[in-house]
């Protein structure tokens, strides 16, 4: 009986270790010394890839226990933009515009669209670049596939484009 209990304990411990290796601890991701703790007390992580669609970025964030970053106010936007600048000094692609996916996507019907965060909420704060996309997610009055928002490297403003295009960076929130 003792051997059986020791075996069960060791097997359980090994399964726990494997699970923790596959799923990072949010506490490990949110090390305040690295500046990951945002002004909204959420942990943020910034990822660089060789090209990721919006959906791939969302799936990755959810796989590791988070979701795409939602930006509810100017403080969070400024925090993420500074985080972006500090962590994206070298581009994989020299021609890349250095854009980073955020968790904002368009909910499109036949003639209208509205923007929705991945948590289901509508944006109360926006930071669109050079145009008001709050109630507009059409290019030349036509919808070109699913639309998603990204943060621009040059100024932290938001733009949008096809969710199928590949961005080099994305944010996850925990």
N, C-alpha and C. Protein backbone atom coordinates (compact mmCIF):
# COMPACT_ATOMS: atom_id res chain seq x y z
N UNK A 1 0.82 -1.19 0.00
CA UNK A 1 0.00 0.00 0.00
C UNK A 1 0.86 1.26 0.00
N UNK A 2 1.95 1.25 0.78
CA UNK A 2 2.83 2.41 0.84
C UNK A 2 3.47 2.69 -0.52
N UNK A 3 3.89 1.65 -1.21
CA UNK A 3 4.50 1.82 -2.53
C UNK A 3 3.50 2.42 -3.51
N UNK A 4 2.26 1.99 -3.42
CA UNK A 4 1.22 2.49 -4.30
C UNK A 4 1.00 3.99 -4.06
N UNK A 5 0.92 4.42 -2.80
CA UNK A 5 0.71 5.83 -2.48
C UNK A 5 1.89 6.68 -2.93
N UNK A 6 3.10 6.17 -2.76
CA UNK A 6 4.28 6.90 -3.21
C UNK A 6 4.25 7.04 -4.72
N UNK A 7 3.87 5.97 -5.43
CA UNK A 7 3.79 6.01 -6.88
C UNK A 7 2.75 7.05 -7.33
N UNK A 8 1.57 7.05 -6.70
CA UNK A 8 0.51 8.00 -7.05
C UNK A 8 0.98 9.42 -6.80
N UNK A 9 1.66 9.65 -5.67
CA UNK A 9 2.17 10.98 -5.35
C UNK A 9 3.18 11.45 -6.40
N UNK A 10 4.11 10.58 -6.75
CA UNK A 10 5.14 10.93 -7.73
C UNK A 10 4.52 11.17 -9.11
N UNK A 11 3.58 10.32 -9.51
CA UNK A 11 2.91 10.49 -10.80
C UNK A 11 2.14 11.81 -10.84
N UNK A 12 1.46 12.13 -9.74
CA UNK A 12 0.71 13.38 -9.66
C UNK A 12 1.66 14.58 -9.71
N UNK A 13 2.76 14.49 -8.98
CA UNK A 13 3.75 15.56 -8.97
C UNK A 13 4.33 15.78 -10.37
N UNK A 14 4.64 14.71 -11.08
CA UNK A 14 5.19 14.84 -12.43
C UNK A 14 4.16 15.45 -13.38
N UNK A 15 2.90 15.04 -13.26
CA UNK A 15 1.84 15.61 -14.10
C UNK A 15 1.70 17.11 -13.81
N UNK A 16 1.80 17.49 -12.54
CA UNK A 16 1.72 18.90 -12.15
C UNK A 16 2.87 19.68 -12.77
N UNK A 17 4.08 19.13 -12.70
CA UNK A 17 5.25 19.81 -13.27
C UNK A 17 5.09 19.99 -14.78
N UNK A 18 4.62 18.96 -15.46
CA UNK A 18 4.43 19.05 -16.91
C UNK A 18 3.38 20.11 -17.24
N UNK A 19 2.26 20.10 -16.52
CA UNK A 19 1.20 21.08 -16.77
C UNK A 19 1.71 22.49 -16.56
N UNK A 20 2.51 22.70 -15.53
CA UNK A 20 3.03 24.04 -15.26
C UNK A 20 4.07 24.47 -16.29
N UNK A 21 4.78 23.54 -16.87
CA UNK A 21 5.71 23.89 -17.93
C UNK A 21 4.96 24.32 -19.19
N UNK A 22 3.83 23.70 -19.44
CA UNK A 22 3.06 24.02 -20.64
C UNK A 22 2.25 25.30 -20.47
N UNK A 23 1.76 25.56 -19.27
CA UNK A 23 0.97 26.75 -19.00
C UNK A 23 1.77 27.68 -18.09
N UNK A 24 2.28 28.78 -18.61
CA UNK A 24 3.07 29.67 -17.77
C UNK A 24 2.25 30.25 -16.63
N UNK A 25 2.89 30.44 -15.51
CA UNK A 25 2.26 31.04 -14.35
C UNK A 25 2.12 32.54 -14.61
N UNK A 26 0.91 33.07 -14.40
CA UNK A 26 0.69 34.49 -14.64
C UNK A 26 1.61 35.32 -13.75
N UNK A 27 1.87 34.83 -12.54
CA UNK A 27 2.80 35.53 -11.66
C UNK A 27 4.18 35.64 -12.27
N UNK A 28 4.60 34.62 -13.01
CA UNK A 28 5.89 34.67 -13.70
C UNK A 28 5.86 35.69 -14.84
N UNK A 29 4.73 35.78 -15.52
CA UNK A 29 4.61 36.72 -16.63
C UNK A 29 4.53 38.16 -16.13
N UNK A 30 3.92 38.35 -14.97
CA UNK A 30 3.69 39.70 -14.47
C UNK A 30 4.71 40.05 -13.41
N UNK A 31 5.92 40.17 -13.82
CA UNK A 31 7.00 40.56 -12.93
C UNK A 31 7.11 42.07 -12.99
N UNK A 32 6.75 42.75 -11.90
CA UNK A 32 6.74 44.21 -11.90
C UNK A 32 8.12 44.79 -12.17
N UNK A 33 9.18 44.04 -11.87
CA UNK A 33 10.53 44.51 -12.18
C UNK A 33 10.73 44.68 -13.68
N UNK A 34 10.01 43.91 -14.47
CA UNK A 34 10.10 44.00 -15.93
C UNK A 34 9.09 44.99 -16.50
N UNK A 35 8.23 45.53 -15.65
CA UNK A 35 7.27 46.53 -16.11
C UNK A 35 6.04 45.97 -16.77
N UNK A 36 5.67 44.73 -16.48
CA UNK A 36 4.52 44.11 -17.13
C UNK A 36 3.19 44.49 -16.50
N UNK A 37 3.19 45.03 -15.29
CA UNK A 37 1.96 45.36 -14.59
C UNK A 37 1.45 46.71 -15.07
N UNK A 38 0.27 46.69 -15.69
CA UNK A 38 -0.28 47.92 -16.27
C UNK A 38 -0.97 48.79 -15.24
N UNK A 39 -1.35 50.01 -15.62
CA UNK A 39 -2.02 50.93 -14.71
C UNK A 39 -3.41 50.45 -14.30
N UNK A 40 -3.94 49.46 -15.00
CA UNK A 40 -5.24 48.88 -14.67
C UNK A 40 -5.09 47.59 -13.86
N UNK A 41 -3.88 47.34 -13.33
CA UNK A 41 -3.56 46.15 -12.53
C UNK A 41 -3.72 44.85 -13.30
N UNK A 42 -3.61 44.90 -14.60
CA UNK A 42 -3.57 43.69 -15.42
C UNK A 42 -2.13 43.45 -15.83
N UNK A 43 -1.81 42.20 -16.05
CA UNK A 43 -0.48 41.85 -16.52
C UNK A 43 -0.50 41.83 -18.05
N UNK A 44 0.54 42.37 -18.66
CA UNK A 44 0.63 42.41 -20.11
C UNK A 44 1.92 41.74 -20.56
N UNK A 45 1.84 41.08 -21.70
CA UNK A 45 3.03 40.50 -22.30
C UNK A 45 3.01 40.87 -23.78
N UNK A 46 4.18 41.07 -24.31
CA UNK A 46 4.36 41.52 -25.68
C UNK A 46 5.08 40.42 -26.43
N UNK A 47 4.56 40.03 -27.58
CA UNK A 47 5.14 38.93 -28.35
C UNK A 47 5.55 39.39 -29.74
N UNK A 48 6.67 38.87 -30.20
CA UNK A 48 7.17 39.13 -31.54
C UNK A 48 7.16 37.80 -32.29
N UNK A 49 6.74 37.84 -33.53
CA UNK A 49 6.68 36.60 -34.32
C UNK A 49 7.18 36.90 -35.73
N UNK A 50 7.16 35.87 -36.54
CA UNK A 50 7.55 36.07 -37.94
C UNK A 50 6.34 36.35 -38.81
N UNK A 51 5.27 36.82 -38.21
CA UNK A 51 4.04 37.15 -38.92
C UNK A 51 2.88 36.36 -38.36
N UNK A 52 1.95 37.05 -37.71
CA UNK A 52 0.83 36.40 -37.05
C UNK A 52 -0.45 37.11 -37.44
N UNK A 53 -1.47 36.35 -37.83
CA UNK A 53 -2.78 36.95 -38.08
C UNK A 53 -3.42 37.29 -36.74
N UNK A 54 -4.46 38.11 -36.78
CA UNK A 54 -5.15 38.49 -35.55
C UNK A 54 -5.69 37.25 -34.84
N UNK A 55 -6.31 36.35 -35.58
CA UNK A 55 -6.90 35.14 -34.99
C UNK A 55 -5.82 34.26 -34.36
N UNK A 56 -4.68 34.12 -35.02
CA UNK A 56 -3.58 33.33 -34.45
C UNK A 56 -3.09 33.96 -33.15
N UNK A 57 -3.01 35.28 -33.12
CA UNK A 57 -2.58 35.97 -31.90
C UNK A 57 -3.59 35.74 -30.78
N UNK A 58 -4.88 35.84 -31.11
CA UNK A 58 -5.92 35.61 -30.10
C UNK A 58 -5.86 34.18 -29.57
N UNK A 59 -5.71 33.22 -30.46
CA UNK A 59 -5.63 31.82 -30.04
C UNK A 59 -4.43 31.59 -29.13
N UNK A 60 -3.29 32.20 -29.45
CA UNK A 60 -2.10 32.04 -28.62
C UNK A 60 -2.33 32.63 -27.23
N UNK A 61 -2.86 33.85 -27.17
CA UNK A 61 -3.12 34.48 -25.87
C UNK A 61 -4.04 33.62 -25.02
N UNK A 62 -5.08 33.09 -25.61
CA UNK A 62 -6.03 32.26 -24.86
C UNK A 62 -5.40 30.93 -24.45
N UNK A 63 -4.54 30.39 -25.28
CA UNK A 63 -3.87 29.13 -24.96
C UNK A 63 -3.00 29.25 -23.72
N UNK A 64 -2.40 30.42 -23.52
CA UNK A 64 -1.52 30.59 -22.36
C UNK A 64 -2.24 31.24 -21.18
N UNK A 65 -3.58 31.28 -21.24
CA UNK A 65 -4.37 31.71 -20.09
C UNK A 65 -4.75 33.18 -20.06
N UNK A 66 -4.59 33.88 -21.17
CA UNK A 66 -4.94 35.29 -21.22
C UNK A 66 -5.90 35.57 -22.35
N UNK A 67 -5.85 36.77 -22.85
CA UNK A 67 -6.62 37.17 -24.03
C UNK A 67 -5.89 38.35 -24.66
N UNK A 68 -6.34 38.76 -25.80
CA UNK A 68 -5.74 39.94 -26.44
C UNK A 68 -5.96 41.15 -25.53
N UNK A 69 -5.05 42.10 -25.60
CA UNK A 69 -5.13 43.29 -24.75
C UNK A 69 -6.31 44.16 -25.13
N UNK A 70 -7.07 44.58 -24.12
CA UNK A 70 -8.13 45.56 -24.28
C UNK A 70 -7.62 46.87 -23.71
N UNK A 71 -7.87 47.95 -24.40
CA UNK A 71 -7.35 49.26 -24.00
C UNK A 71 -8.53 50.13 -23.62
N UNK A 72 -8.75 50.28 -22.33
CA UNK A 72 -9.95 50.95 -21.83
C UNK A 72 -9.77 52.45 -21.59
N UNK A 73 -8.50 52.93 -21.59
CA UNK A 73 -8.29 54.36 -21.35
C UNK A 73 -6.91 54.78 -21.87
N UNK A 74 -6.66 56.08 -21.83
CA UNK A 74 -5.41 56.63 -22.36
C UNK A 74 -4.20 56.17 -21.55
N UNK A 75 -4.38 55.90 -20.26
CA UNK A 75 -3.26 55.43 -19.44
C UNK A 75 -2.77 54.06 -19.90
N UNK A 76 -3.72 53.16 -20.17
CA UNK A 76 -3.35 51.82 -20.64
C UNK A 76 -2.74 51.93 -22.04
N UNK A 77 -3.31 52.79 -22.89
CA UNK A 77 -2.75 52.96 -24.23
C UNK A 77 -1.30 53.45 -24.15
N UNK A 78 -1.03 54.44 -23.31
CA UNK A 78 0.33 54.97 -23.17
C UNK A 78 1.27 53.90 -22.60
N UNK A 79 0.78 53.13 -21.62
CA UNK A 79 1.59 52.07 -21.04
C UNK A 79 1.97 51.04 -22.11
N UNK A 80 0.98 50.58 -22.88
CA UNK A 80 1.26 49.58 -23.91
C UNK A 80 2.15 50.13 -25.01
N UNK A 81 1.95 51.38 -25.36
CA UNK A 81 2.81 51.98 -26.39
C UNK A 81 4.26 52.04 -25.91
N UNK A 82 4.48 52.46 -24.67
CA UNK A 82 5.84 52.49 -24.13
C UNK A 82 6.43 51.08 -24.02
N UNK A 83 5.59 50.12 -23.64
CA UNK A 83 6.00 48.71 -23.58
C UNK A 83 6.40 48.24 -24.98
N UNK A 84 5.62 48.63 -25.98
CA UNK A 84 5.87 48.32 -27.38
C UNK A 84 7.23 48.87 -27.81
N UNK A 85 7.46 50.16 -27.54
CA UNK A 85 8.72 50.79 -27.93
C UNK A 85 9.93 50.13 -27.26
N UNK A 86 9.77 49.79 -26.00
CA UNK A 86 10.88 49.21 -25.23
C UNK A 86 11.22 47.79 -25.67
N UNK A 87 10.25 47.08 -26.25
CA UNK A 87 10.46 45.66 -26.56
C UNK A 87 10.52 45.34 -28.04
N UNK A 88 10.49 46.32 -28.91
CA UNK A 88 10.48 46.02 -30.35
C UNK A 88 11.56 46.79 -31.08
N UNK A 89 12.73 46.86 -30.49
CA UNK A 89 13.80 47.65 -31.11
C UNK A 89 14.34 47.02 -32.38
N UNK A 90 14.31 45.71 -32.47
CA UNK A 90 14.82 45.04 -33.66
C UNK A 90 13.69 44.33 -34.37
N UNK A 91 13.51 44.65 -35.62
CA UNK A 91 12.47 44.03 -36.41
C UNK A 91 13.02 42.82 -37.15
N UNK A 92 12.21 41.78 -37.22
CA UNK A 92 12.58 40.62 -38.02
C UNK A 92 12.60 41.03 -39.49
N UNK A 93 11.63 41.85 -39.86
CA UNK A 93 11.52 42.31 -41.24
C UNK A 93 11.88 43.79 -41.31
N UNK A 94 12.94 44.17 -42.01
CA UNK A 94 13.32 45.58 -42.05
C UNK A 94 12.26 46.46 -42.70
N UNK A 95 11.39 45.90 -43.53
CA UNK A 95 10.35 46.67 -44.19
C UNK A 95 9.06 46.70 -43.36
N UNK A 96 9.04 46.00 -42.24
CA UNK A 96 7.84 45.89 -41.42
C UNK A 96 7.45 47.23 -40.82
N UNK A 97 6.15 47.53 -40.80
CA UNK A 97 5.71 48.76 -40.15
C UNK A 97 5.68 48.64 -38.63
N UNK A 98 6.07 47.53 -38.09
CA UNK A 98 6.12 47.32 -36.63
C UNK A 98 4.75 47.47 -35.97
N UNK A 99 3.71 47.00 -36.57
CA UNK A 99 2.39 47.12 -35.97
C UNK A 99 2.15 45.97 -35.01
N UNK A 100 1.32 46.23 -33.98
CA UNK A 100 1.00 45.20 -32.98
C UNK A 100 -0.51 45.05 -32.86
N UNK A 101 -0.98 43.81 -33.00
CA UNK A 101 -2.41 43.54 -32.84
C UNK A 101 -2.85 43.87 -31.41
N UNK A 102 -4.04 44.46 -31.30
CA UNK A 102 -4.71 44.63 -30.01
C UNK A 102 -6.03 43.87 -30.10
N UNK A 103 -6.74 43.77 -29.00
CA UNK A 103 -7.92 42.91 -28.95
C UNK A 103 -9.21 43.52 -29.44
N UNK A 104 -9.16 44.36 -30.44
CA UNK A 104 -10.34 45.04 -30.97
C UNK A 104 -10.64 44.52 -32.37
N UNK A 105 -11.87 44.09 -32.56
CA UNK A 105 -12.27 43.55 -33.86
C UNK A 105 -13.62 44.13 -34.25
N UNK A 106 -13.92 44.09 -35.54
CA UNK A 106 -15.16 44.66 -36.05
C UNK A 106 -16.27 43.62 -36.08
N UNK A 107 -17.44 44.01 -35.60
CA UNK A 107 -18.65 43.21 -35.69
C UNK A 107 -19.43 43.79 -36.87
N UNK A 108 -19.41 43.09 -38.00
CA UNK A 108 -19.92 43.64 -39.25
C UNK A 108 -21.24 42.98 -39.64
N UNK A 109 -22.23 43.83 -39.99
CA UNK A 109 -23.48 43.34 -40.58
C UNK A 109 -23.48 43.79 -42.04
N UNK A 110 -24.61 43.68 -42.71
CA UNK A 110 -24.68 44.05 -44.13
C UNK A 110 -24.27 45.49 -44.40
N UNK A 111 -24.75 46.42 -43.59
CA UNK A 111 -24.49 47.83 -43.87
C UNK A 111 -23.83 48.59 -42.72
N UNK A 112 -23.67 47.97 -41.59
CA UNK A 112 -23.08 48.67 -40.45
C UNK A 112 -21.99 47.82 -39.81
N UNK A 113 -21.24 48.48 -38.99
CA UNK A 113 -20.25 47.74 -38.22
C UNK A 113 -20.07 48.43 -36.88
N UNK A 114 -19.63 47.67 -35.92
CA UNK A 114 -19.28 48.24 -34.62
C UNK A 114 -18.05 47.51 -34.12
N UNK A 115 -17.25 48.20 -33.34
CA UNK A 115 -16.03 47.63 -32.81
C UNK A 115 -16.29 47.00 -31.46
N UNK A 116 -15.68 45.84 -31.22
CA UNK A 116 -15.90 45.08 -29.99
C UNK A 116 -14.56 44.55 -29.50
N UNK A 117 -14.32 44.67 -28.19
CA UNK A 117 -13.13 44.07 -27.58
C UNK A 117 -13.34 42.57 -27.44
N UNK A 118 -12.27 41.83 -27.30
CA UNK A 118 -12.38 40.38 -27.18
C UNK A 118 -13.15 39.95 -25.94
N UNK A 119 -13.28 40.83 -24.94
CA UNK A 119 -14.08 40.50 -23.76
C UNK A 119 -15.56 40.77 -23.98
N UNK A 120 -15.94 41.22 -25.19
CA UNK A 120 -17.33 41.45 -25.54
C UNK A 120 -17.80 42.89 -25.32
N UNK A 121 -16.98 43.73 -24.70
CA UNK A 121 -17.39 45.10 -24.43
C UNK A 121 -17.13 46.00 -25.64
N UNK A 122 -17.91 47.07 -25.71
CA UNK A 122 -17.70 48.08 -26.76
C UNK A 122 -16.70 49.09 -26.25
N UNK A 123 -15.88 49.65 -27.12
CA UNK A 123 -14.88 50.60 -26.64
C UNK A 123 -15.49 51.92 -26.17
N UNK A 124 -15.11 52.34 -24.98
CA UNK A 124 -15.50 53.65 -24.48
C UNK A 124 -14.38 54.65 -24.74
N UNK A 125 -13.18 54.14 -24.96
CA UNK A 125 -12.01 54.95 -25.30
C UNK A 125 -11.48 54.44 -26.63
N UNK A 126 -11.10 55.35 -27.52
CA UNK A 126 -10.46 54.96 -28.77
C UNK A 126 -9.27 55.89 -29.04
N UNK A 127 -8.38 55.44 -29.89
CA UNK A 127 -7.20 56.22 -30.25
C UNK A 127 -6.89 56.04 -31.74
N UNK A 128 -7.92 56.23 -32.57
CA UNK A 128 -7.77 56.00 -34.01
C UNK A 128 -6.84 57.02 -34.64
N UNK A 129 -6.13 56.60 -35.65
CA UNK A 129 -5.19 57.45 -36.37
C UNK A 129 -5.88 58.12 -37.56
N UNK A 130 -5.86 59.45 -37.59
CA UNK A 130 -6.26 60.26 -38.75
C UNK A 130 -7.68 60.06 -39.26
N UNK A 131 -8.47 59.27 -38.64
CA UNK A 131 -9.85 59.10 -39.09
C UNK A 131 -10.65 58.55 -37.93
N UNK A 132 -11.94 58.71 -38.04
CA UNK A 132 -12.81 58.21 -36.99
C UNK A 132 -13.36 56.87 -37.42
N UNK A 133 -12.81 55.81 -36.90
CA UNK A 133 -13.25 54.46 -37.26
C UNK A 133 -14.27 53.92 -36.26
N UNK A 134 -14.71 54.76 -35.33
CA UNK A 134 -15.62 54.28 -34.29
C UNK A 134 -16.83 53.58 -34.89
N UNK A 135 -17.43 54.16 -35.91
CA UNK A 135 -18.59 53.53 -36.55
C UNK A 135 -18.30 53.21 -38.01
N UNK A 136 -17.05 53.03 -38.33
CA UNK A 136 -16.67 52.78 -39.71
C UNK A 136 -15.57 51.71 -39.75
N UNK A 137 -15.81 50.65 -40.45
CA UNK A 137 -14.76 49.64 -40.63
C UNK A 137 -14.78 49.14 -42.07
N UNK A 138 -15.03 50.06 -42.97
CA UNK A 138 -15.12 49.73 -44.38
C UNK A 138 -14.00 50.43 -45.15
N UNK A 139 -13.46 49.76 -46.15
CA UNK A 139 -12.51 50.37 -47.07
C UNK A 139 -13.26 50.69 -48.35
N UNK A 140 -13.30 51.96 -48.74
CA UNK A 140 -13.99 52.37 -49.96
C UNK A 140 -15.43 51.86 -49.99
N UNK A 141 -16.10 51.95 -48.85
CA UNK A 141 -17.50 51.54 -48.68
C UNK A 141 -17.75 50.06 -48.91
N UNK A 142 -16.73 49.25 -48.86
CA UNK A 142 -16.92 47.80 -48.97
C UNK A 142 -16.16 47.11 -47.84
N UNK A 143 -16.68 46.01 -47.42
CA UNK A 143 -16.02 45.22 -46.39
C UNK A 143 -15.05 44.26 -47.07
N UNK A 144 -13.83 44.24 -46.59
CA UNK A 144 -12.83 43.34 -47.15
C UNK A 144 -12.48 42.34 -46.05
N UNK A 145 -13.28 41.30 -45.90
CA UNK A 145 -13.02 40.29 -44.87
C UNK A 145 -13.20 40.83 -43.47
N UNK A 146 -12.78 40.04 -42.50
CA UNK A 146 -12.84 40.45 -41.10
C UNK A 146 -11.84 41.57 -40.85
N UNK A 147 -12.23 42.52 -40.03
CA UNK A 147 -11.38 43.65 -39.72
C UNK A 147 -10.92 43.58 -38.26
N UNK A 148 -9.70 44.00 -38.00
CA UNK A 148 -9.17 44.02 -36.64
C UNK A 148 -8.26 45.23 -36.50
N UNK A 149 -8.07 45.67 -35.27
CA UNK A 149 -7.28 46.87 -35.00
C UNK A 149 -5.87 46.52 -34.55
N UNK A 150 -4.96 47.42 -34.86
CA UNK A 150 -3.57 47.26 -34.42
C UNK A 150 -3.03 48.62 -33.98
N UNK A 151 -2.02 48.56 -33.12
CA UNK A 151 -1.35 49.77 -32.65
C UNK A 151 -0.17 50.06 -33.56
N UNK A 152 -0.06 51.31 -33.98
CA UNK A 152 1.06 51.74 -34.83
C UNK A 152 2.31 51.97 -34.00
N UNK A 153 3.42 51.53 -34.52
CA UNK A 153 4.70 51.71 -33.84
C UNK A 153 5.10 53.18 -33.77
N UNK A 154 4.77 53.94 -34.81
CA UNK A 154 5.28 55.31 -34.90
C UNK A 154 4.69 56.26 -33.86
N UNK A 155 3.43 56.01 -33.42
CA UNK A 155 2.81 56.97 -32.51
C UNK A 155 1.83 56.38 -31.51
N UNK A 156 1.61 55.08 -31.53
CA UNK A 156 0.69 54.46 -30.58
C UNK A 156 -0.77 54.62 -30.95
N UNK A 157 -1.04 55.24 -32.09
CA UNK A 157 -2.42 55.37 -32.57
C UNK A 157 -2.86 54.03 -33.14
N UNK A 158 -4.18 53.89 -33.33
CA UNK A 158 -4.72 52.64 -33.86
C UNK A 158 -5.11 52.80 -35.32
N UNK A 159 -4.92 51.74 -36.05
CA UNK A 159 -5.42 51.62 -37.41
C UNK A 159 -6.13 50.27 -37.51
N UNK A 160 -6.73 50.00 -38.64
CA UNK A 160 -7.35 48.69 -38.79
C UNK A 160 -7.11 48.17 -40.20
N UNK A 161 -7.24 46.88 -40.31
CA UNK A 161 -7.07 46.23 -41.60
C UNK A 161 -7.60 44.82 -41.52
N UNK A 162 -7.38 44.08 -42.56
CA UNK A 162 -7.84 42.70 -42.61
C UNK A 162 -7.23 41.91 -41.46
N UNK A 163 -8.06 41.16 -40.77
CA UNK A 163 -7.58 40.31 -39.68
C UNK A 163 -6.71 39.18 -40.21
N UNK A 164 -6.70 39.00 -41.53
CA UNK A 164 -5.87 37.96 -42.14
C UNK A 164 -4.46 38.44 -42.47
N UNK A 165 -4.24 39.76 -42.41
CA UNK A 165 -2.88 40.22 -42.66
C UNK A 165 -1.99 39.81 -41.49
N UNK A 166 -0.72 39.78 -41.71
CA UNK A 166 0.20 39.33 -40.67
C UNK A 166 0.91 40.52 -40.05
N UNK A 167 0.81 40.61 -38.74
CA UNK A 167 1.54 41.63 -37.99
C UNK A 167 2.70 40.94 -37.29
N UNK A 168 3.72 41.70 -37.02
CA UNK A 168 4.92 41.14 -36.41
C UNK A 168 4.80 41.03 -34.89
N UNK A 169 3.92 41.83 -34.29
CA UNK A 169 3.82 41.89 -32.84
C UNK A 169 2.37 41.78 -32.39
N UNK A 170 2.17 41.39 -31.13
CA UNK A 170 0.85 41.42 -30.52
C UNK A 170 0.97 41.45 -29.01
N UNK A 171 -0.10 41.92 -28.36
CA UNK A 171 -0.16 42.02 -26.90
C UNK A 171 -1.13 40.99 -26.35
N UNK A 172 -0.75 40.37 -25.24
CA UNK A 172 -1.67 39.54 -24.47
C UNK A 172 -1.86 40.18 -23.10
N UNK A 173 -3.02 39.99 -22.51
CA UNK A 173 -3.32 40.50 -21.17
C UNK A 173 -3.76 39.34 -20.30
N UNK A 174 -3.43 39.43 -19.03
CA UNK A 174 -3.75 38.36 -18.07
C UNK A 174 -4.42 38.93 -16.84
